[in-house]
Amino acid sequence: MKLNANTDFLYRALIYVALHRERLVTAREIAEAYGLSHNHISKVCQELIRHGFLTAQRGRGGGVQLARKPEEIRLGELLYLGETKPKVVDCENGIGGACRIAPACRLQGFFAQAQRAFLEVMNSHTLDEVISQPKLAPLFDPPASK
């Protein structure tokens, strides 16, 4: 299943914030850490705030932080924030319009079943499981000076 870039950025931003729970982090910091557009990450942070994953503090020294504990955030919760009615295959509105065989085809049911299984797997894991990987946090450490 292919997700859009916005969904990818949602996960990345949340992972970064979760790895830096001891302080507020800025959208600019997140963008620089991943080499992504500050504008995109700002929008993603706003979306995460709107949906209750992050809280924000405005002004000088402001930033974002987790609104919930990492072990309370199911990965499936974020899946479709950045997606508009995702389907593995859209038999009704696909390329060229509705598929001619859709009324008699069982394939769309199989795709729907696969999508439900994907969501079930994502909901069975938490953000805490992602950030508890010991090799992850050091990837954001500044390079050692020579």
C-alpha atoms as a PDB file:
ATOM      1  CA  MET A   1       0.000   0.000   0.000  1.00  0.00           C
ATOM      2  CA  LYS A   2       1.407   3.367  -0.962  1.00  0.00           C
ATOM      3  CA  LEU A   3       0.856   6.349   1.321  1.00  0.00           C
ATOM      4  CA  ASN A   4       1.330   9.959   0.313  1.00  0.00           C
ATOM      5  CA  ALA A   5       4.257  12.183   1.347  1.00  0.00           C
ATOM      6  CA  ASN A   6       2.131  14.039   3.909  1.00  0.00           C
ATOM      7  CA  THR A   7       1.523  10.796   5.812  1.00  0.00           C
ATOM      8  CA  ASP A   8       5.239  10.026   5.703  1.00  0.00           C
ATOM      9  CA  PHE A   9       5.987  13.490   7.124  1.00  0.00           C
ATOM     10  CA  LEU A  10       3.365  13.029   9.871  1.00  0.00           C
ATOM     11  CA  TYR A  11       5.160   9.928  11.097  1.00  0.00           C
ATOM     12  CA  ARG A  12       8.608  11.487  10.821  1.00  0.00           C
ATOM     13  CA  ALA A  13       7.610  14.609  12.740  1.00  0.00           C
ATOM     14  CA  LEU A  14       5.941  12.609  15.497  1.00  0.00           C
ATOM     15  CA  ILE A  15       8.959  10.313  15.824  1.00  0.00           C
ATOM     16  CA  TYR A  16      11.321  13.284  16.129  1.00  0.00           C
ATOM     17  CA  VAL A  17       9.173  14.995  18.752  1.00  0.00           C
ATOM     18  CA  ALA A  18       8.832  11.740  20.700  1.00  0.00           C
ATOM     19  CA  LEU A  19      12.607  11.246  20.699  1.00  0.00           C
ATOM     20  CA  HIS A  20      13.028  14.732  22.191  1.00  0.00           C
ATOM     21  CA  ARG A  21      10.325  14.623  24.867  1.00  0.00           C
ATOM     22  CA  GLU A  22      12.485  16.444  27.398  1.00  0.00           C
ATOM     23  CA  ARG A  23      12.059  19.750  25.520  1.00  0.00           C
ATOM     24  CA  LEU A  24      10.032  21.695  22.989  1.00  0.00           C
ATOM     25  CA  VAL A  25      11.102  21.262  19.375  1.00  0.00           C
ATOM     26  CA  THR A  26      10.420  23.539  16.435  1.00  0.00           C
ATOM     27  CA  ALA A  27       9.145  22.716  12.978  1.00  0.00           C
ATOM     28  CA  ARG A  28      12.367  24.169  11.593  1.00  0.00           C
ATOM     29  CA  GLU A  29      14.413  21.783  13.730  1.00  0.00           C
ATOM     30  CA  ILE A  30      12.358  18.800  12.538  1.00  0.00           C
ATOM     31  CA  ALA A  31      12.672  19.896   8.912  1.00  0.00           C
ATOM     32  CA  GLU A  32      16.445  20.309   9.217  1.00  0.00           C
ATOM     33  CA  ALA A  33      16.837  16.954  10.959  1.00  0.00           C
ATOM     34  CA  TYR A  34      15.238  15.182   8.004  1.00  0.00           C
ATOM     35  CA  GLY A  35      16.318  17.543   5.237  1.00  0.00           C
ATOM     36  CA  LEU A  36      12.685  18.378   4.437  1.00  0.00           C
ATOM     37  CA  SER A  37      10.796  21.554   3.622  1.00  0.00           C
ATOM     38  CA  HIS A  38      10.090  23.731   6.663  1.00  0.00           C
ATOM     39  CA  ASN A  39       6.772  24.723   5.088  1.00  0.00           C
ATOM     40  CA  HIS A  40       5.654  21.088   4.767  1.00  0.00           C
ATOM     41  CA  ILE A  41       6.711  20.212   8.311  1.00  0.00           C
ATOM     42  CA  SER A  42       4.937  23.302   9.686  1.00  0.00           C
ATOM     43  CA  LYS A  43       1.711  22.164   8.032  1.00  0.00           C
ATOM     44  CA  VAL A  44       2.194  18.634   9.349  1.00  0.00           C
ATOM     45  CA  CYS A  45       2.755  19.939  12.883  1.00  0.00           C
ATOM     46  CA  GLN A  46      -0.436  21.996  12.642  1.00  0.00           C
ATOM     47  CA  GLU A  47      -2.317  18.879  11.577  1.00  0.00           C
ATOM     48  CA  LEU A  48      -0.838  16.883  14.478  1.00  0.00           C
ATOM     49  CA  ILE A  49      -1.848  19.671  16.873  1.00  0.00           C
ATOM     50  CA  ARG A  50      -5.364  19.820  15.418  1.00  0.00           C
ATOM     51  CA  HIS A  51      -5.797  16.061  15.912  1.00  0.00           C
ATOM     52  CA  GLY A  52      -4.450  16.057  19.475  1.00  0.00           C
ATOM     53  CA  PHE A  53      -1.088  14.367  18.949  1.00  0.00           C
ATOM     54  CA  LEU A  54       0.978  17.475  19.708  1.00  0.00           C
ATOM     55  CA  THR A  55       0.587  20.590  21.822  1.00  0.00           C
ATOM     56  CA  ALA A  56       2.164  23.904  20.917  1.00  0.00           C
ATOM     57  CA  GLN A  57       3.681  26.781  22.771  1.00  0.00           C
ATOM     58  CA  ARG A  58       3.891  29.996  20.727  1.00  0.00           C
ATOM     59  CA  GLY A  59       6.470  32.730  20.856  1.00  0.00           C
ATOM     60  CA  ARG A  60      10.168  32.918  21.488  1.00  0.00           C
ATOM     61  CA  GLY A  61      11.388  29.622  22.873  1.00  0.00           C
ATOM     62  CA  GLY A  62       8.173  27.956  21.715  1.00  0.00           C
ATOM     63  CA  GLY A  63       7.710  24.733  19.856  1.00  0.00           C
ATOM     64  CA  VAL A  64       5.754  21.515  19.995  1.00  0.00           C
ATOM     65  CA  GLN A  65       5.702  18.482  22.243  1.00  0.00           C
ATOM     66  CA  LEU A  66       3.718  15.275  22.535  1.00  0.00           C
ATOM     67  CA  ALA A  67       0.185  15.674  23.834  1.00  0.00           C
ATOM     68  CA  ARG A  68      -0.012  11.985  24.775  1.00  0.00           C
ATOM     69  CA  LYS A  69       2.409   9.329  25.931  1.00  0.00           C
ATOM     70  CA  PRO A  70       4.095   7.417  23.076  1.00  0.00           C
ATOM     71  CA  GLU A  71       2.665   4.131  24.352  1.00  0.00           C
ATOM     72  CA  GLU A  72      -0.849   5.584  23.964  1.00  0.00           C
ATOM     73  CA  ILE A  73      -0.435   6.519  20.295  1.00  0.00           C
ATOM     74  CA  ARG A  74      -1.358   3.705  17.914  1.00  0.00           C
ATOM     75  CA  LEU A  75       0.422   3.933  14.572  1.00  0.00           C
ATOM     76  CA  GLY A  76      -2.831   3.335  12.716  1.00  0.00           C
ATOM     77  CA  GLU A  77      -4.295   6.523  14.186  1.00  0.00           C
ATOM     78  CA  LEU A  78      -2.002   8.610  11.990  1.00  0.00           C
ATOM     79  CA  LEU A  79      -2.395   6.566   8.845  1.00  0.00           C
ATOM     80  CA  TYR A  80      -5.193   8.436   7.231  1.00  0.00           C
ATOM     81  CA  LEU A  81      -4.738  11.948   8.620  1.00  0.00           C
ATOM     82  CA  GLY A  82      -2.842  12.874   5.502  1.00  0.00           C
ATOM     83  CA  GLU A  83      -4.894  10.767   3.119  1.00  0.00           C
ATOM     84  CA  THR A  84      -8.245  11.415   1.513  1.00  0.00           C
ATOM     85  CA  LYS A  85     -10.347   8.244   1.573  1.00  0.00           C
ATOM     86  CA  PRO A  86      -7.441   5.974   0.645  1.00  0.00           C
ATOM     87  CA  LYS A  87      -8.096   2.763  -1.224  1.00  0.00           C
ATOM     88  CA  VAL A  88      -5.622   0.249  -2.529  1.00  0.00           C
ATOM     89  CA  VAL A  89      -7.454   0.437  -5.854  1.00  0.00           C
ATOM     90  CA  ASP A  90     -10.358   2.775  -6.561  1.00  0.00           C
ATOM     91  CA  CYS A  91     -12.682   0.734  -8.768  1.00  0.00           C
ATOM     92  CA  GLU A  92     -15.336   3.453  -8.899  1.00  0.00           C
ATOM     93  CA  ASN A  93     -13.152   6.486  -9.696  1.00  0.00           C
ATOM     94  CA  GLY A  94      -9.951   5.018 -11.068  1.00  0.00           C
ATOM     95  CA  ILE A  95      -7.987   6.062 -14.107  1.00  0.00           C
ATOM     96  CA  GLY A  96     -10.437   6.316 -16.961  1.00  0.00           C
ATOM     97  CA  GLY A  97     -13.460   6.366 -14.626  1.00  0.00           C
ATOM     98  CA  ALA A  98     -15.368   3.456 -13.160  1.00  0.00           C
ATOM     99  CA  CYS A  99     -14.029   0.039 -14.014  1.00  0.00           C
ATOM    100  CA  ARG A 100     -16.379  -1.850 -16.362  1.00  0.00           C
ATOM    101  CA  ILE A 101     -16.048  -5.134 -14.492  1.00  0.00           C
ATOM    102  CA  ALA A 102     -16.436  -3.669 -10.973  1.00  0.00           C
ATOM    103  CA  PRO A 103     -20.008  -4.924 -10.457  1.00  0.00           C
ATOM    104  CA  ALA A 104     -18.922  -8.541 -11.032  1.00  0.00           C
ATOM    105  CA  CYS A 105     -15.294  -8.445  -9.846  1.00  0.00           C
ATOM    106  CA  ARG A 106     -14.235  -9.940  -6.527  1.00  0.00           C
ATOM    107  CA  LEU A 107     -10.817  -8.295  -6.648  1.00  0.00           C
ATOM    108  CA  GLN A 108     -12.044  -5.089  -4.976  1.00  0.00           C
ATOM    109  CA  GLY A 109     -13.200  -7.165  -1.995  1.00  0.00           C
ATOM    110  CA  PHE A 110      -9.771  -8.737  -1.692  1.00  0.00           C
ATOM    111  CA  PHE A 111      -8.150  -5.301  -1.799  1.00  0.00           C
ATOM    112  CA  ALA A 112     -10.522  -4.067   0.910  1.00  0.00           C
ATOM    113  CA  GLN A 113      -9.641  -7.101   3.044  1.00  0.00           C
ATOM    114  CA  ALA A 114      -5.912  -6.414   2.579  1.00  0.00           C
ATOM    115  CA  GLN A 115      -6.415  -2.772   3.548  1.00  0.00           C
ATOM    116  CA  ARG A 116      -8.255  -3.786   6.741  1.00  0.00           C
ATOM    117  CA  ALA A 117      -5.398  -6.171   7.605  1.00  0.00           C
ATOM    118  CA  PHE A 118      -2.864  -3.383   7.030  1.00  0.00           C
ATOM    119  CA  LEU A 119      -4.760  -1.048   9.348  1.00  0.00           C
ATOM    120  CA  GLU A 120      -5.104  -3.806  11.946  1.00  0.00           C
ATOM    121  CA  VAL A 121      -1.337  -4.372  11.957  1.00  0.00           C
ATOM    122  CA  MET A 122      -0.617  -0.644  12.228  1.00  0.00           C
ATOM    123  CA  ASN A 123      -3.090  -0.318  15.096  1.00  0.00           C
ATOM    124  CA  SER A 124      -1.411  -3.198  16.925  1.00  0.00           C
ATOM    125  CA  HIS A 125       1.778  -1.130  17.329  1.00  0.00           C
ATOM    126  CA  THR A 126       2.524   2.100  19.167  1.00  0.00           C
ATOM    127  CA  LEU A 127       4.807   5.066  18.727  1.00  0.00           C
ATOM    128  CA  ASP A 128       6.715   3.844  21.771  1.00  0.00           C
ATOM    129  CA  GLU A 129       7.694   0.686  19.881  1.00  0.00           C
ATOM    130  CA  VAL A 130       9.190   2.819  17.112  1.00  0.00           C
ATOM    131  CA  ILE A 131      11.179   5.176  19.315  1.00  0.00           C
ATOM    132  CA  SER A 132      12.429   2.481  21.693  1.00  0.00           C
ATOM    133  CA  GLN A 133      14.798   1.209  18.980  1.00  0.00           C
ATOM    134  CA  PRO A 134      18.222   2.038  20.536  1.00  0.00           C
ATOM    135  CA  LYS A 135      19.836   2.787  17.172  1.00  0.00           C
ATOM    136  CA  LEU A 136      17.268   5.480  16.298  1.00  0.00           C
ATOM    137  CA  ALA A 137      18.028   8.394  18.654  1.00  0.00           C
ATOM    138  CA  PRO A 138      21.777   8.632  17.842  1.00  0.00           C
ATOM    139  CA  LEU A 139      20.891   9.264  14.185  1.00  0.00           C
ATOM    140  CA  PHE A 140      19.824  12.762  15.223  1.00  0.00           C
ATOM    141  CA  ASP A 141      22.953  13.542  17.232  1.00  0.00           C
ATOM    142  CA  PRO A 142      25.144  16.272  15.752  1.00  0.00           C
ATOM    143  CA  PRO A 143      28.202  14.903  13.934  1.00  0.00           C
ATOM    144  CA  ALA A 144      31.288  14.684  16.116  1.00  0.00           C
ATOM    145  CA  SER A 145      33.717  17.535  15.541  1.00  0.00           C
ATOM    146  CA  LYS A 146      37.185  16.597  14.349  1.00  0.00           C
END
